[in-house]
Amino acid sequence: MTTVKYSIPNISCMHCVHTIQTEVADLDGVQSVSADQAEKKVEITFDDPATEDGIKTLLAEINYPVAGLAM
């Protein structure tokens, strides 16, 4: 199991949070998704067949591109 934390500056409201959590959770292999509006961060836990590249691609497709890793 892998957990990644991303900085996503486009998170501006609870609708953004809901969209990210819903869309990413639909990927096969994703175990959990937690988006934080105030911190503009997302934490995702996943296993195969999900990949970090696949998650980043999906986030970009739904207009929430990853700006970098979050601490």
PDB file of N, CA and C in Angstrom:
ATOM      1  N   MET A   1       0.840  -1.174   0.000  1.00  0.00           N
ATOM      2  CA  MET A   1       0.000   0.000   0.000  1.00  0.00           C
ATOM      3  C   MET A   1       0.888   1.241   0.000  1.00  0.00           C
ATOM      4  N   THR A   2       0.507   2.224  -0.803  1.00  0.00           N
ATOM      5  CA  THR A   2       1.262   3.464  -0.929  1.00  0.00           C
ATOM      6  C   THR A   2       0.367   4.638  -0.559  1.00  0.00           C
ATOM      7  N   THR A   3       0.935   5.607   0.162  1.00  0.00           N
ATOM      8  CA  THR A   3       0.211   6.840   0.478  1.00  0.00           C
ATOM      9  C   THR A   3       1.013   8.015  -0.049  1.00  0.00           C
ATOM     10  N   VAL A   4       0.334   8.893  -0.792  1.00  0.00           N
ATOM     11  CA  VAL A   4       0.965  10.095  -1.324  1.00  0.00           C
ATOM     12  C   VAL A   4       0.173  11.310  -0.866  1.00  0.00           C
ATOM     13  N   LYS A   5       0.871  12.427  -0.725  1.00  0.00           N
ATOM     14  CA  LYS A   5       0.231  13.694  -0.369  1.00  0.00           C
ATOM     15  C   LYS A   5       0.637  14.717  -1.415  1.00  0.00           C
ATOM     16  N   TYR A   6      -0.364  15.345  -2.028  1.00  0.00           N
ATOM     17  CA  TYR A   6      -0.114  16.323  -3.078  1.00  0.00           C
ATOM     18  C   TYR A   6      -0.636  17.693  -2.691  1.00  0.00           C
ATOM     19  N   SER A   7       0.061  18.706  -3.161  1.00  0.00           N
ATOM     20  CA  SER A   7      -0.397  20.084  -3.067  1.00  0.00           C
ATOM     21  C   SER A   7      -1.190  20.381  -4.335  1.00  0.00           C
ATOM     22  N   ILE A   8      -2.439  20.870  -4.170  1.00  0.00           N
ATOM     23  CA  ILE A   8      -3.300  21.180  -5.310  1.00  0.00           C
ATOM     24  C   ILE A   8      -3.903  22.570  -5.095  1.00  0.00           C
ATOM     25  N   PRO A   9      -3.283  23.610  -5.660  1.00  0.00           N
ATOM     26  CA  PRO A   9      -3.715  24.985  -5.429  1.00  0.00           C
ATOM     27  C   PRO A   9      -5.141  25.304  -5.881  1.00  0.00           C
ATOM     28  N   ASN A  10      -5.694  24.525  -6.816  1.00  0.00           N
ATOM     29  CA  ASN A  10      -7.029  24.806  -7.348  1.00  0.00           C
ATOM     30  C   ASN A  10      -8.166  24.442  -6.393  1.00  0.00           C
ATOM     31  N   ILE A  11      -7.892  23.860  -5.248  1.00  0.00           N
ATOM     32  CA  ILE A  11      -8.961  23.526  -4.310  1.00  0.00           C
ATOM     33  C   ILE A  11      -9.418  24.823  -3.640  1.00  0.00           C
ATOM     34  N   SER A  12     -10.654  25.236  -3.972  1.00  0.00           N
ATOM     35  CA  SER A  12     -11.131  26.512  -3.438  1.00  0.00           C
ATOM     36  C   SER A  12     -12.451  26.414  -2.676  1.00  0.00           C
ATOM     37  N   CYS A  13     -13.123  25.260  -2.744  1.00  0.00           N
ATOM     38  CA  CYS A  13     -14.413  25.134  -2.077  1.00  0.00           C
ATOM     39  C   CYS A  13     -14.708  23.656  -1.781  1.00  0.00           C
ATOM     40  N   MET A  14     -15.804  23.433  -1.086  1.00  0.00           N
ATOM     41  CA  MET A  14     -16.164  22.058  -0.752  1.00  0.00           C
ATOM     42  C   MET A  14     -16.596  21.261  -1.988  1.00  0.00           C
ATOM     43  N   HIS A  15     -17.058  21.945  -3.019  1.00  0.00           N
ATOM     44  CA  HIS A  15     -17.376  21.242  -4.263  1.00  0.00           C
ATOM     45  C   HIS A  15     -16.106  20.649  -4.864  1.00  0.00           C
ATOM     46  N   CYS A  16     -15.006  21.401  -4.799  1.00  0.00           N
ATOM     47  CA  CYS A  16     -13.712  20.900  -5.271  1.00  0.00           C
ATOM     48  C   CYS A  16     -13.324  19.645  -4.494  1.00  0.00           C
ATOM     49  N   VAL A  17     -13.449  19.717  -3.188  1.00  0.00           N
ATOM     50  CA  VAL A  17     -13.116  18.585  -2.315  1.00  0.00           C
ATOM     51  C   VAL A  17     -13.941  17.368  -2.710  1.00  0.00           C
ATOM     52  N   HIS A  18     -15.246  17.563  -2.874  1.00  0.00           N
ATOM     53  CA  HIS A  18     -16.144  16.456  -3.225  1.00  0.00           C
ATOM     54  C   HIS A  18     -15.770  15.855  -4.584  1.00  0.00           C
ATOM     55  N   THR A  19     -15.518  16.715  -5.557  1.00  0.00           N
ATOM     56  CA  THR A  19     -15.165  16.233  -6.895  1.00  0.00           C
ATOM     57  C   THR A  19     -13.890  15.400  -6.865  1.00  0.00           C
ATOM     58  N   ILE A  20     -12.862  15.902  -6.216  1.00  0.00           N
ATOM     59  CA  ILE A  20     -11.599  15.174  -6.126  1.00  0.00           C
ATOM     60  C   ILE A  20     -11.810  13.830  -5.431  1.00  0.00           C
ATOM     61  N   GLN A  21     -12.464  13.848  -4.294  1.00  0.00           N
ATOM     62  CA  GLN A  21     -12.655  12.607  -3.526  1.00  0.00           C
ATOM     63  C   GLN A  21     -13.470  11.587  -4.313  1.00  0.00           C
ATOM     64  N   THR A  22     -14.514  12.038  -4.998  1.00  0.00           N
ATOM     65  CA  THR A  22     -15.371  11.130  -5.756  1.00  0.00           C
ATOM     66  C   THR A  22     -14.646  10.548  -6.966  1.00  0.00           C
ATOM     67  N   GLU A  23     -14.014  11.404  -7.743  1.00  0.00           N
ATOM     68  CA  GLU A  23     -13.349  10.956  -8.969  1.00  0.00           C
ATOM     69  C   GLU A  23     -12.161  10.031  -8.677  1.00  0.00           C
ATOM     70  N   VAL A  24     -11.326  10.414  -7.729  1.00  0.00           N
ATOM     71  CA  VAL A  24     -10.140   9.598  -7.432  1.00  0.00           C
ATOM     72  C   VAL A  24     -10.545   8.275  -6.782  1.00  0.00           C
ATOM     73  N   ALA A  25     -11.554   8.296  -5.937  1.00  0.00           N
ATOM     74  CA  ALA A  25     -12.012   7.064  -5.281  1.00  0.00           C
ATOM     75  C   ALA A  25     -12.523   6.038  -6.281  1.00  0.00           C
ATOM     76  N   ASP A  26     -12.959   6.491  -7.460  1.00  0.00           N
ATOM     77  CA  ASP A  26     -13.459   5.580  -8.492  1.00  0.00           C
ATOM     78  C   ASP A  26     -12.353   4.809  -9.202  1.00  0.00           C
ATOM     79  N   LEU A  27     -11.101   5.207  -9.028  1.00  0.00           N
ATOM     80  CA  LEU A  27      -9.995   4.478  -9.657  1.00  0.00           C
ATOM     81  C   LEU A  27      -9.796   3.136  -8.960  1.00  0.00           C
ATOM     82  N   ASP A  28      -9.643   2.080  -9.755  1.00  0.00           N
ATOM     83  CA  ASP A  28      -9.362   0.758  -9.184  1.00  0.00           C
ATOM     84  C   ASP A  28      -8.065   0.796  -8.400  1.00  0.00           C
ATOM     85  N   GLY A  29      -8.106   0.294  -7.183  1.00  0.00           N
ATOM     86  CA  GLY A  29      -6.919   0.224  -6.349  1.00  0.00           C
ATOM     87  C   GLY A  29      -6.832   1.328  -5.311  1.00  0.00           C
ATOM     88  N   VAL A  30      -7.618   2.395  -5.475  1.00  0.00           N
ATOM     89  CA  VAL A  30      -7.581   3.497  -4.507  1.00  0.00           C
ATOM     90  C   VAL A  30      -8.340   3.071  -3.251  1.00  0.00           C
ATOM     91  N   GLN A  31      -7.662   3.153  -2.112  1.00  0.00           N
ATOM     92  CA  GLN A  31      -8.240   2.741  -0.831  1.00  0.00           C
ATOM     93  C   GLN A  31      -8.911   3.909  -0.111  1.00  0.00           C
ATOM     94  N   SER A  32      -8.285   5.097  -0.156  1.00  0.00           N
ATOM     95  CA  SER A  32      -8.862   6.262   0.509  1.00  0.00           C
ATOM     96  C   SER A  32      -8.362   7.539  -0.143  1.00  0.00           C
ATOM     97  N   VAL A  33      -9.215   8.572  -0.050  1.00  0.00           N
ATOM     98  CA  VAL A  33      -8.887   9.892  -0.581  1.00  0.00           C
ATOM     99  C   VAL A  33      -9.382  10.913   0.427  1.00  0.00           C
ATOM    100  N   SER A  34      -8.502  11.821   0.814  1.00  0.00           N
ATOM    101  CA  SER A  34      -8.885  12.878   1.741  1.00  0.00           C
ATOM    102  C   SER A  34      -8.354  14.200   1.203  1.00  0.00           C
ATOM    103  N   ALA A  35      -9.290  15.086   0.840  1.00  0.00           N
ATOM    104  CA  ALA A  35      -8.904  16.407   0.342  1.00  0.00           C
ATOM    105  C   ALA A  35      -9.184  17.442   1.424  1.00  0.00           C
ATOM    106  N   ASP A  36      -8.301  18.430   1.526  1.00  0.00           N
ATOM    107  CA  ASP A  36      -8.428  19.472   2.542  1.00  0.00           C
ATOM    108  C   ASP A  36      -8.455  20.840   1.864  1.00  0.00           C
ATOM    109  N   GLN A  37      -9.599  21.503   1.954  1.00  0.00           N
ATOM    110  CA  GLN A  37      -9.765  22.809   1.308  1.00  0.00           C
ATOM    111  C   GLN A  37      -8.828  23.857   1.893  1.00  0.00           C
ATOM    112  N   ALA A  38      -8.727  23.933   3.193  1.00  0.00           N
ATOM    113  CA  ALA A  38      -7.912  24.963   3.849  1.00  0.00           C
ATOM    114  C   ALA A  38      -6.425  24.812   3.526  1.00  0.00           C
ATOM    115  N   GLU A  39      -5.952  23.582   3.530  1.00  0.00           N
ATOM    116  CA  GLU A  39      -4.531  23.318   3.262  1.00  0.00           C
ATOM    117  C   GLU A  39      -4.220  23.167   1.777  1.00  0.00           C
ATOM    118  N   LYS A  40      -5.274  22.995   0.962  1.00  0.00           N
ATOM    119  CA  LYS A  40      -5.126  22.761  -0.478  1.00  0.00           C
ATOM    120  C   LYS A  40      -4.238  21.542  -0.738  1.00  0.00           C
ATOM    121  N   LYS A  41      -4.545  20.477  -0.002  1.00  0.00           N
ATOM    122  CA  LYS A  41      -3.780  19.236  -0.110  1.00  0.00           C
ATOM    123  C   LYS A  41      -4.716  18.049  -0.259  1.00  0.00           C
ATOM    124  N   VAL A  42      -4.183  16.984  -0.842  1.00  0.00           N
ATOM    125  CA  VAL A  42      -4.912  15.734  -0.992  1.00  0.00           C
ATOM    126  C   VAL A  42      -4.002  14.600  -0.535  1.00  0.00           C
ATOM    127  N   GLU A  43      -4.559  13.677   0.245  1.00  0.00           N
ATOM    128  CA  GLU A  43      -3.836  12.475   0.651  1.00  0.00           C
ATOM    129  C   GLU A  43      -4.569  11.281   0.073  1.00  0.00           C
ATOM    130  N   ILE A  44      -3.819  10.435  -0.639  1.00  0.00           N
ATOM    131  CA  ILE A  44      -4.402   9.286  -1.330  1.00  0.00           C
ATOM    132  C   ILE A  44      -3.620   8.033  -0.957  1.00  0.00           C
ATOM    133  N   THR A  45      -4.357   6.996  -0.570  1.00  0.00           N
ATOM    134  CA  THR A  45      -3.760   5.695  -0.277  1.00  0.00           C
ATOM    135  C   THR A  45      -4.253   4.729  -1.345  1.00  0.00           C
ATOM    136  N   PHE A  46      -3.304   3.991  -1.944  1.00  0.00           N
ATOM    137  CA  PHE A  46      -3.682   3.105  -3.050  1.00  0.00           C
ATOM    138  C   PHE A  46      -2.774   1.880  -3.144  1.00  0.00           C
ATOM    139  N   ASP A  47      -3.280   0.886  -3.862  1.00  0.00           N
ATOM    140  CA  ASP A  47      -2.560  -0.330  -4.220  1.00  0.00           C
ATOM    141  C   ASP A  47      -2.696  -0.506  -5.727  1.00  0.00           C
ATOM    142  N   ASP A  48      -2.041  -1.536  -6.261  1.00  0.00           N
ATOM    143  CA  ASP A  48      -2.219  -1.899  -7.668  1.00  0.00           C
ATOM    144  C   ASP A  48      -3.686  -2.215  -7.904  1.00  0.00           C
ATOM    145  N   PRO A  49      -4.245  -1.873  -9.022  1.00  0.00           N
ATOM    146  CA  PRO A  49      -3.591  -1.400 -10.246  1.00  0.00           C
ATOM    147  C   PRO A  49      -3.420   0.117 -10.327  1.00  0.00           C
ATOM    148  N   ALA A  50      -3.841   0.872  -9.326  1.00  0.00           N
ATOM    149  CA  ALA A  50      -3.658   2.331  -9.348  1.00  0.00           C
ATOM    150  C   ALA A  50      -2.161   2.658  -9.310  1.00  0.00           C
ATOM    151  N   THR A  51      -1.808   3.745  -9.978  1.00  0.00           N
ATOM    152  CA  THR A  51      -0.420   4.208  -9.984  1.00  0.00           C
ATOM    153  C   THR A  51      -0.401   5.706  -9.704  1.00  0.00           C
ATOM    154  N   GLU A  52       0.740   6.179  -9.272  1.00  0.00           N
ATOM    155  CA  GLU A  52       0.891   7.606  -9.015  1.00  0.00           C
ATOM    156  C   GLU A  52       0.691   8.411 -10.305  1.00  0.00           C
ATOM    157  N   ASP A  53       1.246   7.921 -11.407  1.00  0.00           N
ATOM    158  CA  ASP A  53       1.072   8.611 -12.691  1.00  0.00           C
ATOM    159  C   ASP A  53      -0.394   8.651 -13.104  1.00  0.00           C
ATOM    160  N   GLY A  54      -1.103   7.551 -12.894  1.00  0.00           N
ATOM    161  CA  GLY A  54      -2.516   7.503 -13.236  1.00  0.00           C
ATOM    162  C   GLY A  54      -3.345   8.469 -12.406  1.00  0.00           C
ATOM    163  N   ILE A  55      -3.014   8.566 -11.125  1.00  0.00           N
ATOM    164  CA  ILE A  55      -3.722   9.487 -10.238  1.00  0.00           C
ATOM    165  C   ILE A  55      -3.455  10.928 -10.659  1.00  0.00           C
ATOM    166  N   LYS A  56      -2.201  11.263 -10.939  1.00  0.00           N
ATOM    167  CA  LYS A  56      -1.852  12.618 -11.364  1.00  0.00           C
ATOM    168  C   LYS A  56      -2.535  12.979 -12.683  1.00  0.00           C
ATOM    169  N   THR A  57      -2.600  12.016 -13.591  1.00  0.00           N
ATOM    170  CA  THR A  57      -3.256  12.245 -14.879  1.00  0.00           C
ATOM    171  C   THR A  57      -4.738  12.534 -14.676  1.00  0.00           C
ATOM    172  N   LEU A  58      -5.396  11.746 -13.839  1.00  0.00           N
ATOM    173  CA  LEU A  58      -6.815  11.969 -13.562  1.00  0.00           C
ATOM    174  C   LEU A  58      -7.039  13.339 -12.931  1.00  0.00           C
ATOM    175  N   LEU A  59      -6.222  13.697 -11.946  1.00  0.00           N
ATOM    176  CA  LEU A  59      -6.374  15.004 -11.302  1.00  0.00           C
ATOM    177  C   LEU A  59      -6.227  16.136 -12.313  1.00  0.00           C
ATOM    178  N   ALA A  60      -5.291  16.027 -13.242  1.00  0.00           N
ATOM    179  CA  ALA A  60      -5.126  17.050 -14.277  1.00  0.00           C
ATOM    180  C   ALA A  60      -6.345  17.090 -15.198  1.00  0.00           C
ATOM    181  N   GLU A  61      -6.893  15.910 -15.543  1.00  0.00           N
ATOM    182  CA  GLU A  61      -8.062  15.835 -16.421  1.00  0.00           C
ATOM    183  C   GLU A  61      -9.295  16.493 -15.806  1.00  0.00           C
ATOM    184  N   ILE A  62      -9.409  16.455 -14.484  1.00  0.00           N
ATOM    185  CA  ILE A  62     -10.577  17.055 -13.834  1.00  0.00           C
ATOM    186  C   ILE A  62     -10.270  18.480 -13.327  1.00  0.00           C
ATOM    187  N   ASN A  63      -9.181  19.048 -13.841  1.00  0.00           N
ATOM    188  CA  ASN A  63      -8.779  20.446 -13.564  1.00  0.00           C
ATOM    189  C   ASN A  63      -8.267  20.702 -12.152  1.00  0.00           C
ATOM    190  N   TYR A  64      -7.655  19.690 -11.553  1.00  0.00           N
ATOM    191  CA  TYR A  64      -6.990  19.848 -10.259  1.00  0.00           C
ATOM    192  C   TYR A  64      -5.572  19.297 -10.367  1.00  0.00           C
ATOM    193  N   PRO A  65      -4.734  19.937 -11.208  1.00  0.00           N
ATOM    194  CA  PRO A  65      -3.371  19.415 -11.393  1.00  0.00           C
ATOM    195  C   PRO A  65      -2.536  19.511 -10.124  1.00  0.00           C
ATOM    196  N   VAL A  66      -1.671  18.540  -9.974  1.00  0.00           N
ATOM    197  CA  VAL A  66      -0.770  18.475  -8.824  1.00  0.00           C
ATOM    198  C   VAL A  66       0.324  19.516  -8.999  1.00  0.00           C
ATOM    199  N   ALA A  67       0.536  20.346  -7.962  1.00  0.00           N
ATOM    200  CA  ALA A  67       1.594  21.355  -7.995  1.00  0.00           C
ATOM    201  C   ALA A  67       2.897  20.805  -7.436  1.00  0.00           C
ATOM    202  N   GLY A  68       2.799  19.748  -6.648  1.00  0.00           N
ATOM    203  CA  GLY A  68       3.984  19.139  -6.052  1.00  0.00           C
ATOM    204  C   GLY A  68       3.575  18.264  -4.896  1.00  0.00           C
ATOM    205  N   LEU A  69       4.576  17.697  -4.242  1.00  0.00           N
ATOM    206  CA  LEU A  69       4.302  16.877  -3.072  1.00  0.00           C
ATOM    207  C   LEU A  69       4.033  17.786  -1.875  1.00  0.00           C
ATOM    208  N   ALA A  70       3.084  17.391  -1.066  1.00  0.00           N
ATOM    209  CA  ALA A  70       2.764  18.150   0.145  1.00  0.00           C
ATOM    210  C   ALA A  70       3.515  17.539   1.309  1.00  0.00           C
ATOM    211  N   MET A  71       3.888  18.363   2.232  1.00  0.00           N
ATOM    212  CA  MET A  71       4.584  17.894   3.435  1.00  0.00           C
ATOM    213  C   MET A  71       3.597  17.628   4.541  1.00  0.00           C
TER     214      MET A  71
END
